[in-house]
Every structure is written in structure tokens, then in C-alpha cells.
Amino acid sequence: MKILILGASQGTGAWAVQAALARGHEVTAFARSPQKLAIEHAKLHKLVGDFHDRASVAAAVSGHDAVIITASATKLATFKDEPHYFSKGTAFAIAAMQACGVKRLVVLSANGTGESRKMLPWLAQTIMIDWLLKIPFADHAVQEQLVRDSGLEWVIARPGRLTDGPARGKYRANSKLEPVPNSISRADVGGFLVTAAETDTWLRQAVQLGG
């Protein structure tokens, strides 16, 4: 497959790049500073682009079989200036995919978004979703609805707290509203995102991830 990863220079996006290359896919790593991605590979193309620029996203999408969105702000303060950080870029990606006929879309959201909120402890709902991370969680909800309404072959990934370290491969993935462990490594999430792009296992489902 030819996979475009939006937001690929670090974090979960970088792990998704690594997982996709390990499975033999051709990967385009799209980011404002893709040179930060410490990976070199014959099947990797690093592309400078802006997730919040319609033309930049549109130019990147054509020719791919799947798009994975992992773009996020590195500082919480960014969301005060860009409260639609997730939904704005995702809307551009969806429009480009619809125009180019690219069907498979995998989006990184967060456990606690939408109907999954009720699975979190009351304290987490109150302090995290309603206070500290109110703006990004609200925009994740908008982002998810755009994805659901897109008509594409979508998968929404909702990990819990992201941790560092290598992939363990023993995480839980559940599309039912049932509790999963409250943390998961970025490496395991990156692997799941690639699996969601490759297979129909989680097609048109929002999947809670933990472990």
C-alpha cells in the first residue's frame, strides 16, 4: 500500500511510519518539519506540508491508498489560538480524499471523546475533559463527526494516556463501550493505526485502545 501519514515527524505518527515501513508499505511522512523524523528508508518520502493549509493537504493526498491522521499540537497552549486544530485539518484531508477517490481514512482521537466519555472515572471526566483538556476534547468530538459523515472507509482510534517505550503487542482494542486499560504506548498505537489501514477488521468503528 501507499500510505500518507499526516503529522509524522514525531510521537505516534513517527511510530506509525516505522510500523508501516516494517510491513513493506510505501510511506509519505507529511509534517511541517519532516526532517525531525529520525528514519531513513528506500520506501519513505518525507514531505513538507501544513496540516492547516487546504492546498498543502490536497497536494499530498493524491496517489495514496490510505491516509492516517496523527497530527496534534505539541503544546496545550496552541489550542487556545487554534481551537479547531484537529477538525480543520481533518476536514481538508476528507475533502481531498473525496476529490481523489482515496477511500481509507484512519484518525487518531482519544479515549473519552464522544460516547466513550462515560467509561472514564468521574474525576477524569471532570478534571481532564471538562477542564484541563476541554478544548482539544471538544474538537476531537467535531473531528470524529466529520469522519463519520465523510462516506469514506474510516476507523477512529481512541487510545488512553500515551506512554513512551517499544511496542508490546499485548494491548486491548475494543469497539464496544467497555473499559480498557488507561494507558498504551505510542508504539502500539502506531501499529494499530497501520493495521486499521491494512484490514477491514475495524471498518467504520471507533476503537478504544489500552494496554
Protein backbone atom coordinates (compact mmCIF):
# COMPACT_ATOMS: atom_id res chain seq x y z
CA MET A 1 0.00 0.00 0.00
CA LYS A 2 0.88 3.64 -0.36
CA ILE A 3 0.13 5.31 2.98
CA LEU A 4 0.12 9.02 3.74
CA ILE A 5 0.68 9.91 7.40
CA LEU A 6 -0.28 13.46 8.35
CA GLY A 7 1.68 14.57 11.39
CA ALA A 8 4.52 12.09 11.00
CA SER A 9 7.61 13.80 12.37
CA GLN A 10 7.39 12.61 15.98
CA GLY A 11 5.31 10.80 18.59
CA THR A 12 2.64 8.36 17.46
CA GLY A 13 2.98 9.46 13.85
CA ALA A 14 6.64 8.51 13.77
CA TRP A 15 5.82 5.11 15.23
CA ALA A 16 3.15 4.63 12.56
CA VAL A 17 5.75 5.42 9.90
CA GLN A 18 8.09 2.81 11.37
CA ALA A 19 5.33 0.18 11.58
CA ALA A 20 4.18 0.78 8.01
CA LEU A 21 7.72 0.54 6.61
CA ALA A 22 8.35 -2.65 8.59
CA ARG A 23 5.32 -4.18 6.88
CA GLY A 24 6.56 -3.28 3.42
CA HIS A 25 4.37 -0.28 2.65
CA GLU A 26 5.41 2.88 0.82
CA VAL A 27 5.05 5.81 3.19
CA THR A 28 4.75 9.56 2.75
CA ALA A 29 5.58 11.32 6.02
CA PHE A 30 3.84 14.71 5.95
CA ALA A 31 4.77 17.34 8.52
CA ARG A 32 5.92 20.94 8.86
CA SER A 33 9.37 19.64 9.77
CA PRO A 34 9.62 16.08 8.43
CA GLN A 35 13.41 16.21 8.81
CA LYS A 36 12.80 15.65 12.53
CA LEU A 37 11.78 12.09 11.67
CA ALA A 38 14.87 10.05 12.50
CA ILE A 39 14.14 7.33 9.95
CA GLU A 40 15.68 6.77 6.53
CA HIS A 41 14.26 4.13 4.20
CA ALA A 42 14.04 3.47 0.48
CA LYS A 43 10.23 3.43 0.68
CA LEU A 44 9.94 6.59 2.76
CA HIS A 45 9.24 10.02 1.29
CA LYS A 46 9.42 13.00 3.63
CA LEU A 47 7.08 15.78 2.58
CA VAL A 48 7.00 19.31 3.97
CA GLY A 49 3.41 20.40 4.47
CA ASP A 50 0.94 22.28 6.64
CA PHE A 51 -1.99 20.31 8.11
CA HIS A 52 -3.97 23.56 8.28
CA ASP A 53 -3.42 24.57 4.66
CA ARG A 54 -6.05 23.21 2.28
CA ALA A 55 -3.82 23.24 -0.79
CA SER A 56 -0.91 21.62 1.04
CA VAL A 57 -3.06 18.74 2.27
CA ALA A 58 -4.79 18.32 -1.10
CA ALA A 59 -1.47 18.07 -2.93
CA ALA A 60 -0.27 15.36 -0.56
CA VAL A 61 -3.31 13.05 -0.72
CA SER A 62 -3.35 12.14 -4.42
CA GLY A 63 -1.83 8.77 -5.32
CA HIS A 64 -2.20 7.13 -1.92
CA ASP A 65 -4.30 4.14 -0.86
CA ALA A 66 -4.86 5.28 2.72
CA VAL A 67 -4.46 8.34 4.91
CA ILE A 68 -3.58 8.21 8.61
CA ILE A 69 -4.06 11.40 10.65
CA THR A 70 -1.92 11.71 13.76
CA ALA A 71 -1.34 15.48 13.66
CA SER A 72 -1.53 17.20 17.04
CA ALA A 73 -0.16 20.26 18.81
CA THR A 74 2.97 19.81 20.91
CA LYS A 75 1.84 22.43 23.43
CA LEU A 76 -1.53 22.69 25.13
CA ALA A 77 -1.46 26.47 24.71
CA THR A 78 -1.69 26.00 20.94
CA PHE A 79 -5.33 25.00 21.26
CA LYS A 80 -6.22 28.42 22.68
CA ASP A 81 -5.11 30.01 19.41
CA GLU A 82 -6.28 27.11 17.23
CA PRO A 83 -9.33 25.57 18.94
CA HIS A 84 -10.20 23.70 15.73
CA TYR A 85 -6.73 22.18 15.36
CA PHE A 86 -7.93 18.62 14.74
CA SER A 87 -11.16 19.27 12.84
CA LYS A 88 -9.78 21.90 10.46
CA GLY A 89 -7.00 19.74 9.05
CA THR A 90 -9.18 16.64 9.06
CA ALA A 91 -11.82 18.46 7.02
CA PHE A 92 -9.15 19.36 4.44
CA ALA A 93 -7.99 15.73 4.30
CA ILE A 94 -11.52 14.40 3.87
CA ALA A 95 -12.26 16.85 1.04
CA ALA A 96 -9.04 15.90 -0.72
CA MET A 97 -9.73 12.18 -0.32
CA GLN A 98 -13.23 12.56 -1.70
CA ALA A 99 -11.88 14.50 -4.69
CA CYS A 100 -9.09 11.99 -5.39
CA GLY A 101 -11.04 8.80 -4.71
CA VAL A 102 -8.87 7.73 -1.76
CA LYS A 103 -11.15 5.66 0.48
CA ARG A 104 -9.37 4.53 3.66
CA LEU A 105 -9.04 7.06 6.48
CA VAL A 106 -7.65 6.29 9.94
CA VAL A 107 -7.80 9.04 12.55
CA LEU A 108 -6.11 9.30 15.93
CA SER A 109 -8.57 10.63 18.52
CA ALA A 110 -8.61 9.97 22.29
CA ASN A 111 -10.44 7.75 24.75
CA GLY A 112 -13.03 9.90 26.49
CA THR A 113 -14.24 11.51 23.28
CA GLY A 114 -17.93 11.34 22.47
CA GLU A 115 -19.80 8.35 23.84
CA SER A 116 -16.58 6.87 25.29
CA ARG A 117 -16.53 9.62 27.93
CA LYS A 118 -18.80 7.64 30.24
CA MET A 119 -16.20 4.87 30.53
CA LEU A 120 -13.76 7.15 32.32
CA PRO A 121 -13.79 7.70 36.08
CA TRP A 122 -15.75 10.73 37.24
CA LEU A 123 -12.57 12.53 38.30
CA ALA A 124 -11.03 12.09 34.85
CA GLN A 125 -14.18 13.35 33.18
CA THR A 126 -14.33 16.41 35.41
CA ILE A 127 -10.66 17.42 35.59
CA MET A 128 -9.36 16.24 32.23
CA ILE A 129 -12.24 16.50 29.76
CA ASP A 130 -14.20 19.36 31.32
CA TRP A 131 -11.25 21.47 32.46
CA LEU A 132 -7.61 20.84 31.54
CA LEU A 133 -8.23 19.39 28.07
CA LYS A 134 -11.66 20.83 27.37
CA ILE A 135 -10.76 22.48 24.06
CA PRO A 136 -8.92 19.54 22.42
CA PHE A 137 -11.55 17.02 23.56
CA ALA A 138 -14.34 19.21 22.21
CA ASP A 139 -12.54 19.45 18.87
CA HIS A 140 -11.86 15.71 18.79
CA ALA A 141 -15.64 15.27 19.01
CA VAL A 142 -16.10 17.56 16.00
CA GLN A 143 -13.32 15.74 14.18
CA GLU A 144 -14.90 12.36 14.81
CA GLN A 145 -18.26 13.52 13.50
CA LEU A 146 -16.65 14.80 10.30
CA VAL A 147 -15.05 11.40 9.85
CA ARG A 148 -18.32 9.53 10.46
CA ASP A 149 -20.14 11.73 7.95
CA SER A 150 -17.43 11.53 5.30
CA GLY A 151 -18.67 8.49 3.39
CA LEU A 152 -15.12 7.12 3.48
CA GLU A 153 -13.84 3.79 4.83
CA TRP A 154 -12.94 5.19 8.22
CA VAL A 155 -11.53 3.95 11.51
CA ILE A 156 -11.25 6.11 14.64
CA ALA A 157 -8.59 5.14 17.18
CA ARG A 158 -9.15 6.23 20.80
CA PRO A 159 -6.11 5.46 22.94
CA GLY A 160 -5.84 6.27 26.61
CA ARG A 161 -2.82 8.01 28.11
CA LEU A 162 0.11 7.70 25.72
CA THR A 163 3.42 6.40 27.04
CA ASP A 164 6.92 6.01 25.63
CA GLY A 165 8.75 2.78 25.04
CA PRO A 166 8.64 -0.02 22.46
CA ALA A 167 5.56 -1.83 21.23
CA ARG A 168 4.41 -4.66 23.49
CA GLY A 169 1.75 -6.03 21.15
CA LYS A 170 -0.46 -7.03 24.07
CA TYR A 171 -2.84 -4.11 24.15
CA ARG A 172 -6.64 -4.32 24.07
CA ALA A 173 -8.68 -2.92 21.19
CA ASN A 174 -12.42 -2.74 21.73
CA SER A 175 -15.15 -1.05 19.70
CA LYS A 176 -17.70 -1.78 22.41
CA LEU A 177 -18.19 0.71 25.21
CA GLU A 178 -16.32 -1.40 27.69
CA PRO A 179 -13.33 -0.26 29.79
CA VAL A 180 -9.79 -0.84 28.53
CA PRO A 181 -6.52 -0.19 30.39
CA ASN A 182 -5.99 3.53 30.83
CA SER A 183 -2.62 3.80 29.09
CA ILE A 184 -0.88 2.45 25.98
CA SER A 185 2.46 3.03 24.28
CA ARG A 186 2.67 5.30 21.26
CA ALA A 187 4.44 2.44 19.51
CA ASP A 188 1.45 0.12 19.96
CA VAL A 189 -0.94 2.83 18.81
CA GLY A 190 1.17 3.42 15.73
CA GLY A 191 1.00 -0.28 14.91
CA PHE A 192 -2.77 -0.31 15.37
CA LEU A 193 -3.20 2.64 13.02
CA VAL A 194 -1.36 0.78 10.28
CA THR A 195 -3.41 -2.37 10.92
CA ALA A 196 -6.58 -0.30 10.61
CA ALA A 197 -5.36 0.99 7.25
CA GLU A 198 -4.48 -2.50 6.00
CA THR A 199 -7.53 -4.51 7.02
CA ASP A 200 -11.32 -4.27 7.30
CA THR A 201 -11.37 -5.55 10.89
CA TRP A 202 -12.31 -2.18 12.40
CA LEU A 203 -14.03 -0.61 9.41
CA ARG A 204 -16.38 2.25 10.36
CA GLN A 205 -15.79 1.74 14.08
CA ALA A 206 -14.39 3.87 16.88
CA VAL A 207 -11.94 1.69 18.79
CA GLN A 208 -10.83 2.17 22.39
CA LEU A 209 -7.18 1.21 22.94
CA GLY A 210 -5.34 0.40 26.17
CA GLY A 211 -2.62 -1.81 27.50
